[in-house]
Amino acid sequence: EVQLVESGGGLVHVGDSLRLSCTGSGFTFDDSAIGWFRQAPGKEREGVSCIEISDGHTYYADSVQGRFTISSDIAKRTVWLQMNSLKPDDTAVYYCNADTIWGQGTQVTVST
């Protein structure tokens, strides 16, 4: 089955850290670009970070640059998003994406 499964969301306080995981199956993982997107209530979905699995190139939105780190493990078919120094504006449902494949999303809530 072609799918992406996210995990790792939760409720944290300002300044805390979380690590999200995204595991893929049913497609050529090591030739993909895997991205993290997020959607806050009342807002459009926005791109957060992306990694090209084949060469490890990474990309970050300005809003998370320096706080979030994306990484991958081909053998585990998994991409992680390490989120540090979390802010209330980071509150959203986070989705993993590869081309036309979307995960189900995982909720991240940052409280003051």
Protein backbone atom coordinates (compact mmCIF):
# COMPACT_ATOMS: atom_id res chain seq x y z
CA GLU A 1 0.00 0.00 0.00
CA VAL A 2 1.27 3.45 -0.92
CA GLN A 3 1.23 5.55 2.21
CA LEU A 4 2.98 7.93 4.56
CA VAL A 5 2.41 7.61 8.28
CA GLU A 6 3.30 10.43 10.65
CA SER A 7 3.76 10.31 14.39
CA GLY A 8 5.28 12.33 17.20
CA GLY A 9 2.92 15.24 17.61
CA GLY A 10 1.67 16.42 20.97
CA LEU A 11 1.08 19.26 23.40
CA VAL A 12 4.18 21.13 24.54
CA HIS A 13 5.11 24.45 26.06
CA VAL A 14 6.88 27.38 24.46
CA GLY A 15 10.56 26.60 24.05
CA ASP A 16 10.10 22.84 24.15
CA SER A 17 11.12 20.38 21.45
CA LEU A 18 9.33 17.66 19.50
CA ARG A 19 10.44 15.19 16.85
CA LEU A 20 8.01 14.16 14.17
CA SER A 21 8.45 10.95 12.18
CA CYS A 22 7.19 10.05 8.72
CA THR A 23 7.52 6.50 7.44
CA GLY A 24 6.80 5.70 3.81
CA SER A 25 5.81 2.51 2.03
CA GLY A 26 4.71 1.41 -1.41
CA PHE A 27 6.87 3.81 -3.43
CA THR A 28 10.53 4.38 -4.29
CA PHE A 29 11.58 6.12 -1.11
CA ASP A 30 15.26 6.70 -1.91
CA ASP A 31 14.41 8.55 -5.12
CA SER A 32 11.90 10.89 -3.52
CA ALA A 33 11.71 14.35 -2.08
CA ILE A 34 9.88 14.22 1.24
CA GLY A 35 8.37 17.36 2.64
CA TRP A 36 6.69 18.53 5.82
CA PHE A 37 3.76 20.89 5.57
CA ARG A 38 1.56 22.36 8.25
CA GLN A 39 -1.89 23.86 8.47
CA ALA A 40 -3.07 26.01 11.32
CA PRO A 41 -6.78 26.66 11.98
CA GLY A 42 -8.14 29.15 9.48
CA LYS A 43 -4.92 29.25 7.48
CA GLU A 44 -3.69 27.68 4.27
CA ARG A 45 -1.34 24.73 4.29
CA GLU A 46 2.26 25.90 4.10
CA GLY A 47 5.55 24.21 3.39
CA VAL A 48 7.87 23.83 6.37
CA SER A 49 10.82 21.76 5.20
CA CYS A 50 11.86 19.30 2.53
CA ILE A 51 14.65 16.79 2.00
CA GLU A 52 15.84 15.16 -1.20
CA ILE A 53 16.46 11.60 -0.09
CA SER A 54 19.02 10.78 -2.81
CA ASP A 55 21.52 13.50 -1.93
CA GLY A 56 20.35 14.85 1.40
CA HIS A 57 19.71 18.40 0.24
CA THR A 58 17.41 20.19 2.65
CA TYR A 59 15.17 23.22 2.46
CA TYR A 60 13.47 25.23 5.19
CA ALA A 61 10.85 27.92 5.42
CA ASP A 62 12.18 31.18 6.82
CA SER A 63 9.89 30.84 9.81
CA VAL A 64 11.59 27.62 10.98
CA GLN A 65 15.15 28.10 9.73
CA GLY A 66 17.58 27.51 12.58
CA ARG A 67 14.98 25.86 14.80
CA PHE A 68 13.86 22.83 12.78
CA THR A 69 16.04 20.11 11.29
CA ILE A 70 14.93 17.54 8.74
CA SER A 71 16.75 14.24 8.32
CA SER A 72 16.19 10.83 6.80
CA ASP A 73 17.17 7.19 6.99
CA ILE A 74 16.78 5.26 3.76
CA ALA A 75 16.96 1.84 5.43
CA LYS A 76 14.13 2.80 7.78
CA ARG A 77 12.23 4.64 5.02
CA THR A 78 11.73 7.40 7.55
CA VAL A 79 12.05 11.17 7.61
CA TRP A 80 12.22 13.08 10.87
CA LEU A 81 11.51 16.70 11.66
CA GLN A 82 13.28 17.82 14.81
CA MET A 83 11.55 20.93 16.10
CA ASN A 84 13.30 23.01 18.75
CA SER A 85 12.45 26.29 20.44
CA LEU A 86 8.80 25.82 19.61
CA LYS A 87 6.54 28.85 19.49
CA PRO A 88 2.74 29.23 19.64
CA ASP A 89 2.82 30.05 15.90
CA ASP A 90 4.10 26.53 15.28
CA THR A 91 0.75 25.14 16.41
CA ALA A 92 -0.76 23.25 13.47
CA VAL A 93 -1.47 19.88 11.98
CA TYR A 94 1.75 18.69 10.39
CA TYR A 95 1.60 16.60 7.24
CA CYS A 96 4.21 14.54 5.47
CA ASN A 97 4.23 14.60 1.68
CA ALA A 98 5.89 12.82 -1.21
CA ASP A 99 4.69 13.92 -4.65
CA THR A 100 0.94 13.18 -4.56
CA ILE A 101 1.08 11.10 -1.37
CA TRP A 102 -0.03 12.71 1.88
CA GLY A 103 0.01 11.39 5.39
CA GLN A 104 -2.92 11.67 7.75
CA GLY A 105 -1.34 14.47 9.78
CA THR A 106 -0.22 14.83 13.36
CA GLN A 107 -1.27 17.64 15.69
CA VAL A 108 1.33 19.88 17.28
CA THR A 109 0.11 22.32 19.92
CA VAL A 110 2.43 24.79 21.60
CA SER A 111 0.99 26.44 24.68
CA THR A 112 2.16 29.56 26.49
